[in-house]
Each structure stands twice: as structure tokens, then as C-alpha cells.
């Protein structure tokens, strides 16, 4: 049998972990079609939505 203070510490740690997981935002990334082979003759730079390509940096 564990000491009551040890059980309390475990319970607090589990609650803190659960709270941290709930607070983390979930950001879904859009699904884009796989890139075409670069050897395609008819390639136009409009593969992505809107033809824009780049990097998005999200700071929380």
C-alpha cells in the first residue's frame, strides 16, 4: 500500500498532464494533392490552391 501523500502526488501529476493536453490547440493542415513529377512537360505553376506556394509559421 502506498502512502497517502504519494497517491496524492500521482493524482496531481495526472491532472496536470490532462490539463496540459486539453489546452494544446489542434491545427489541421489542409490535404493537398501530391506533387507531380518535375519532368512533366505541361507543368504550370498552378498546382496548389490559388497557385500560391510558401511556408506558414505559426507561433503560439
PDB file of N, CA and C in Angstrom:
ATOM      1  N   UNK A   1       0.843  -1.177   0.000  1.00  0.00           N
ATOM      2  CA  UNK A   1       0.000   0.000   0.000  1.00  0.00           C
ATOM      3  C   UNK A   1       0.891   1.245   0.000  1.00  0.00           C
ATOM      4  N   UNK A   2       0.573   2.179  -0.876  1.00  0.00           N
ATOM      5  CA  UNK A   2       1.338   3.418  -0.949  1.00  0.00           C
ATOM      6  C   UNK A   2       0.857   4.402   0.114  1.00  0.00           C
ATOM      7  N   UNK A   3       1.770   5.249   0.480  1.00  0.00           N
ATOM      8  CA  UNK A   3       1.438   6.297   1.443  1.00  0.00           C
ATOM      9  C   UNK A   3       0.413   7.260   0.817  1.00  0.00           C
ATOM     10  N   UNK A   4      -0.479   7.823   1.606  1.00  0.00           N
ATOM     11  CA  UNK A   4      -1.490   8.749   1.059  1.00  0.00           C
ATOM     12  C   UNK A   4      -0.893   9.952   0.336  1.00  0.00           C
ATOM     13  N   UNK A   5       0.222  10.479   0.815  1.00  0.00           N
ATOM     14  CA  UNK A   5       0.817  11.639   0.159  1.00  0.00           C
ATOM     15  C   UNK A   5       1.372  11.265  -1.217  1.00  0.00           C
ATOM     16  N   UNK A   6       1.838  10.027  -1.386  1.00  0.00           N
ATOM     17  CA  UNK A   6       2.328   9.580  -2.689  1.00  0.00           C
ATOM     18  C   UNK A   6       1.163   9.466  -3.671  1.00  0.00           C
ATOM     19  N   UNK A   7       0.061   8.919  -3.220  1.00  0.00           N
ATOM     20  CA  UNK A   7      -1.133   8.795  -4.059  1.00  0.00           C
ATOM     21  C   UNK A   7      -1.615  10.186  -4.482  1.00  0.00           C
ATOM     22  N   UNK A   8      -1.584  11.131  -3.570  1.00  0.00           N
ATOM     23  CA  UNK A   8      -2.000  12.499  -3.877  1.00  0.00           C
ATOM     24  C   UNK A   8      -1.074  13.142  -4.917  1.00  0.00           C
ATOM     25  N   UNK A   9       0.224  12.912  -4.805  1.00  0.00           N
ATOM     26  CA  UNK A   9       1.177  13.449  -5.772  1.00  0.00           C
ATOM     27  C   UNK A   9       0.936  12.857  -7.165  1.00  0.00           C
ATOM     28  N   UNK A  10       0.673  11.572  -7.225  1.00  0.00           N
ATOM     29  CA  UNK A  10       0.391  10.924  -8.507  1.00  0.00           C
ATOM     30  C   UNK A  10      -0.883  11.497  -9.113  1.00  0.00           C
ATOM     31  N   UNK A  11      -1.912  11.686  -8.312  1.00  0.00           N
ATOM     32  CA  UNK A  11      -3.174  12.235  -8.799  1.00  0.00           C
ATOM     33  C   UNK A  11      -2.976  13.648  -9.335  1.00  0.00           C
ATOM     34  N   UNK A  12      -2.221  14.479  -8.613  1.00  0.00           N
ATOM     35  CA  UNK A  12      -1.955  15.846  -9.064  1.00  0.00           C
ATOM     36  C   UNK A  12      -1.185  15.852 -10.384  1.00  0.00           C
ATOM     37  N   UNK A  13      -0.193  14.987 -10.495  1.00  0.00           N
ATOM     38  CA  UNK A  13       0.602  14.923 -11.717  1.00  0.00           C
ATOM     39  C   UNK A  13      -0.256  14.505 -12.911  1.00  0.00           C
ATOM     40  N   UNK A  14      -1.134  13.517 -12.706  1.00  0.00           N
ATOM     41  CA  UNK A  14      -2.024  13.073 -13.781  1.00  0.00           C
ATOM     42  C   UNK A  14      -2.999  14.184 -14.182  1.00  0.00           C
ATOM     43  N   UNK A  15      -3.524  14.921 -13.224  1.00  0.00           N
ATOM     44  CA  UNK A  15      -4.429  16.035 -13.526  1.00  0.00           C
ATOM     45  C   UNK A  15      -3.701  17.138 -14.299  1.00  0.00           C
ATOM     46  N   UNK A  16      -2.468  17.449 -13.907  1.00  0.00           N
ATOM     47  CA  UNK A  16      -1.684  18.458 -14.618  1.00  0.00           C
ATOM     48  C   UNK A  16      -1.418  18.028 -16.058  1.00  0.00           C
ATOM     49  N   UNK A  17      -1.065  16.761 -16.255  1.00  0.00           N
ATOM     50  CA  UNK A  17      -0.833  16.256 -17.607  1.00  0.00           C
ATOM     51  C   UNK A  17      -2.108  16.337 -18.444  1.00  0.00           C
ATOM     52  N   UNK A  18      -3.230  15.971 -17.862  1.00  0.00           N
ATOM     53  CA  UNK A  18      -4.506  16.006 -18.578  1.00  0.00           C
ATOM     54  C   UNK A  18      -4.862  17.442 -18.955  1.00  0.00           C
ATOM     55  N   UNK A  19      -4.640  18.381 -18.042  1.00  0.00           N
ATOM     56  CA  UNK A  19      -4.931  19.792 -18.299  1.00  0.00           C
ATOM     57  C   UNK A  19      -4.051  20.334 -19.428  1.00  0.00           C
ATOM     58  N   UNK A  20      -2.772  19.968 -19.428  1.00  0.00           N
ATOM     59  CA  UNK A  20      -1.858  20.416 -20.475  1.00  0.00           C
ATOM     60  C   UNK A  20      -2.282  19.891 -21.843  1.00  0.00           C
ATOM     61  N   UNK A  21      -2.693  18.627 -21.905  1.00  0.00           N
ATOM     62  CA  UNK A  21      -3.134  18.050 -23.175  1.00  0.00           C
ATOM     63  C   UNK A  21      -4.392  18.738 -23.682  1.00  0.00           C
ATOM     64  N   UNK A  22      -5.308  19.097 -22.781  1.00  0.00           N
ATOM     65  CA  UNK A  22      -6.551  19.751 -23.189  1.00  0.00           C
ATOM     66  C   UNK A  22      -6.298  21.168 -23.682  1.00  0.00           C
ATOM     67  N   UNK A  23      -5.290  21.841 -23.152  1.00  0.00           N
ATOM     68  CA  UNK A  23      -5.016  23.229 -23.504  1.00  0.00           C
ATOM     69  C   UNK A  23      -4.279  23.367 -24.828  1.00  0.00           C
ATOM     70  N   UNK A  24      -3.653  22.292 -25.325  1.00  0.00           N
ATOM     71  CA  UNK A  24      -2.901  22.399 -26.562  1.00  0.00           C
ATOM     72  C   UNK A  24      -3.845  22.507 -27.748  1.00  0.00           C
ATOM     73  N   UNK A  25      -3.659  23.541 -28.570  1.00  0.00           N
ATOM     74  CA  UNK A  25      -4.538  23.694 -29.733  1.00  0.00           C
ATOM     75  C   UNK A  25      -4.226  22.646 -30.793  1.00  0.00           C
ATOM     76  N   UNK A  26      -5.235  22.305 -31.555  1.00  0.00           N
ATOM     77  CA  UNK A  26      -5.078  21.349 -32.636  1.00  0.00           C
ATOM     78  C   UNK A  26      -5.277  22.098 -33.942  1.00  0.00           C
ATOM     79  N   UNK A  27      -4.261  22.078 -34.768  1.00  0.00           N
ATOM     80  CA  UNK A  27      -4.319  22.772 -36.049  1.00  0.00           C
ATOM     81  C   UNK A  27      -4.263  21.718 -37.143  1.00  0.00           C
ATOM     82  N   UNK A  28      -5.307  21.657 -37.934  1.00  0.00           N
ATOM     83  CA  UNK A  28      -5.366  20.698 -39.025  1.00  0.00           C
ATOM     84  C   UNK A  28      -4.786  21.339 -40.283  1.00  0.00           C
ATOM     85  N   UNK A  29      -3.905  20.611 -40.930  1.00  0.00           N
ATOM     86  CA  UNK A  29      -3.309  21.083 -42.166  1.00  0.00           C
ATOM     87  C   UNK A  29      -4.161  20.607 -43.333  1.00  0.00           C
ATOM     88  N   UNK A  30      -4.361  21.453 -44.339  1.00  0.00           N
ATOM     89  CA  UNK A  30      -5.168  21.036 -45.489  1.00  0.00           C
ATOM     90  C   UNK A  30      -4.456  19.948 -46.276  1.00  0.00           C
ATOM     91  N   UNK A  31      -5.235  19.068 -46.878  1.00  0.00           N
ATOM     92  CA  UNK A  31      -4.681  17.997 -47.703  1.00  0.00           C
ATOM     93  C   UNK A  31      -4.548  18.499 -49.137  1.00  0.00           C
ATOM     94  N   UNK A  32      -3.329  18.549 -49.619  1.00  0.00           N
ATOM     95  CA  UNK A  32      -3.071  18.952 -50.992  1.00  0.00           C
ATOM     96  C   UNK A  32      -2.765  17.702 -51.810  1.00  0.00           C
ATOM     97  N   UNK A  33      -3.032  17.747 -53.107  1.00  0.00           N
ATOM     98  CA  UNK A  33      -2.671  16.590 -53.940  1.00  0.00           C
ATOM     99  C   UNK A  33      -1.158  16.428 -53.959  1.00  0.00           C
ATOM    100  N   UNK A  34      -0.678  15.211 -54.130  1.00  0.00           N
ATOM    101  CA  UNK A  34       0.781  15.008 -54.151  1.00  0.00           C
ATOM    102  C   UNK A  34       1.410  15.762 -55.319  1.00  0.00           C
ATOM    103  N   UNK A  35       2.641  16.235 -55.152  1.00  0.00           N
ATOM    104  CA  UNK A  35       3.284  16.989 -56.234  1.00  0.00           C
ATOM    105  C   UNK A  35       3.503  16.104 -57.451  1.00  0.00           C
ATOM    106  N   UNK A  36       3.379  16.723 -58.606  1.00  0.00           N
ATOM    107  CA  UNK A  36       3.621  15.977 -59.835  1.00  0.00           C
ATOM    108  C   UNK A  36       5.114  15.855 -60.072  1.00  0.00           C
ATOM    109  N   UNK A  37       5.470  14.919 -60.897  1.00  0.00           N
ATOM    110  CA  UNK A  37       6.865  14.710 -61.252  1.00  0.00           C
ATOM    111  C   UNK A  37       7.395  15.946 -61.964  1.00  0.00           C
ATOM    112  N   UNK A  38       8.598  16.371 -61.648  1.00  0.00           N
ATOM    113  CA  UNK A  38       9.150  17.601 -62.222  1.00  0.00           C
ATOM    114  C   UNK A  38       9.434  17.463 -63.713  1.00  0.00           C
ATOM    115  N   UNK A  39       9.374  16.238 -64.251  1.00  0.00           N
ATOM    116  CA  UNK A  39       9.641  16.060 -65.670  1.00  0.00           C
ATOM    117  C   UNK A  39       8.389  16.245 -66.527  1.00  0.00           C
ATOM    118  N   UNK A  40       7.249  16.596 -65.912  1.00  0.00           N
ATOM    119  CA  UNK A  40       6.026  16.824 -66.677  1.00  0.00           C
ATOM    120  C   UNK A  40       6.236  17.993 -67.633  1.00  0.00           C
ATOM    121  N   UNK A  41       5.907  17.775 -68.897  1.00  0.00           N
ATOM    122  CA  UNK A  41       6.083  18.809 -69.917  1.00  0.00           C
ATOM    123  C   UNK A  41       5.078  19.950 -69.760  1.00  0.00           C
ATOM    124  N   UNK A  42       3.838  19.608 -69.394  1.00  0.00           N
ATOM    125  CA  UNK A  42       2.774  20.611 -69.344  1.00  0.00           C
ATOM    126  C   UNK A  42       2.636  21.239 -67.965  1.00  0.00           C
ATOM    127  N   UNK A  43       3.689  21.255 -67.221  1.00  0.00           N
ATOM    128  CA  UNK A  43       3.628  21.784 -65.853  1.00  0.00           C
ATOM    129  C   UNK A  43       3.379  23.287 -65.873  1.00  0.00           C
ATOM    130  N   UNK A  44       2.366  23.680 -65.126  1.00  0.00           N
ATOM    131  CA  UNK A  44       2.161  25.102 -64.886  1.00  0.00           C
ATOM    132  C   UNK A  44       2.275  25.303 -63.378  1.00  0.00           C
ATOM    133  N   UNK A  45       2.601  26.448 -62.949  1.00  0.00           N
ATOM    134  CA  UNK A  45       2.838  26.677 -61.526  1.00  0.00           C
ATOM    135  C   UNK A  45       1.547  26.901 -60.758  1.00  0.00           C
ATOM    136  N   UNK A  46       0.470  26.303 -61.187  1.00  0.00           N
ATOM    137  CA  UNK A  46      -0.819  26.452 -60.530  1.00  0.00           C
ATOM    138  C   UNK A  46      -1.236  25.158 -59.836  1.00  0.00           C
ATOM    139  N   UNK A  47      -0.279  24.357 -59.337  1.00  0.00           N
ATOM    140  CA  UNK A  47      -0.604  23.075 -58.703  1.00  0.00           C
ATOM    141  C   UNK A  47      -1.348  23.233 -57.392  1.00  0.00           C
ATOM    142  N   UNK A  48      -0.962  24.183 -56.583  1.00  0.00           N
ATOM    143  CA  UNK A  48      -1.571  24.366 -55.268  1.00  0.00           C
ATOM    144  C   UNK A  48      -2.820  25.210 -55.356  1.00  0.00           C
ATOM    145  N   UNK A  49      -3.546  25.313 -54.282  1.00  0.00           N
ATOM    146  CA  UNK A  49      -4.741  26.150 -54.304  1.00  0.00           C
ATOM    147  C   UNK A  49      -4.372  27.610 -54.520  1.00  0.00           C
ATOM    148  N   UNK A  50      -4.965  28.212 -55.521  1.00  0.00           N
ATOM    149  CA  UNK A  50      -4.692  29.615 -55.806  1.00  0.00           C
ATOM    150  C   UNK A  50      -3.347  29.846 -56.457  1.00  0.00           C
ATOM    151  N   UNK A  51      -2.584  28.791 -56.679  1.00  0.00           N
ATOM    152  CA  UNK A  51      -1.287  28.929 -57.304  1.00  0.00           C
ATOM    153  C   UNK A  51      -0.220  29.492 -56.392  1.00  0.00           C
ATOM    154  N   UNK A  52      -0.549  29.777 -55.144  1.00  0.00           N
ATOM    155  CA  UNK A  52       0.429  30.343 -54.228  1.00  0.00           C
ATOM    156  C   UNK A  52       1.109  29.220 -53.460  1.00  0.00           C
ATOM    157  N   UNK A  53       2.394  29.360 -53.293  1.00  0.00           N
ATOM    158  CA  UNK A  53       3.157  28.371 -52.545  1.00  0.00           C
ATOM    159  C   UNK A  53       4.016  29.100 -51.539  1.00  0.00           C
ATOM    160  N   UNK A  54       4.291  28.459 -50.425  1.00  0.00           N
ATOM    161  CA  UNK A  54       5.144  29.105 -49.449  1.00  0.00           C
ATOM    162  C   UNK A  54       5.165  28.350 -48.142  1.00  0.00           C
ATOM    163  N   UNK A  55       5.607  29.031 -47.122  1.00  0.00           N
ATOM    164  CA  UNK A  55       5.737  28.460 -45.792  1.00  0.00           C
ATOM    165  C   UNK A  55       4.911  29.289 -44.835  1.00  0.00           C
ATOM    166  N   UNK A  56       4.211  28.606 -43.946  1.00  0.00           N
ATOM    167  CA  UNK A  56       3.426  29.291 -42.917  1.00  0.00           C
ATOM    168  C   UNK A  56       4.062  28.975 -41.579  1.00  0.00           C
ATOM    169  N   UNK A  57       4.397  29.994 -40.820  1.00  0.00           N
ATOM    170  CA  UNK A  57       4.949  29.819 -39.480  1.00  0.00           C
ATOM    171  C   UNK A  57       3.904  30.262 -38.481  1.00  0.00           C
ATOM    172  N   UNK A  58       3.541  29.332 -37.601  1.00  0.00           N
ATOM    173  CA  UNK A  58       2.525  29.618 -36.599  1.00  0.00           C
ATOM    174  C   UNK A  58       3.197  29.630 -35.234  1.00  0.00           C
ATOM    175  N   UNK A  59       3.146  30.737 -34.573  1.00  0.00           N
ATOM    176  CA  UNK A  59       3.758  30.866 -33.257  1.00  0.00           C
ATOM    177  C   UNK A  59       2.643  30.923 -32.217  1.00  0.00           C
ATOM    178  N   UNK A  60       2.737  30.056 -31.245  1.00  0.00           N
ATOM    179  CA  UNK A  60       1.700  30.027 -30.206  1.00  0.00           C
ATOM    180  C   UNK A  60       2.221  30.628 -28.938  1.00  0.00           C
TER     181      UNK A  60
END
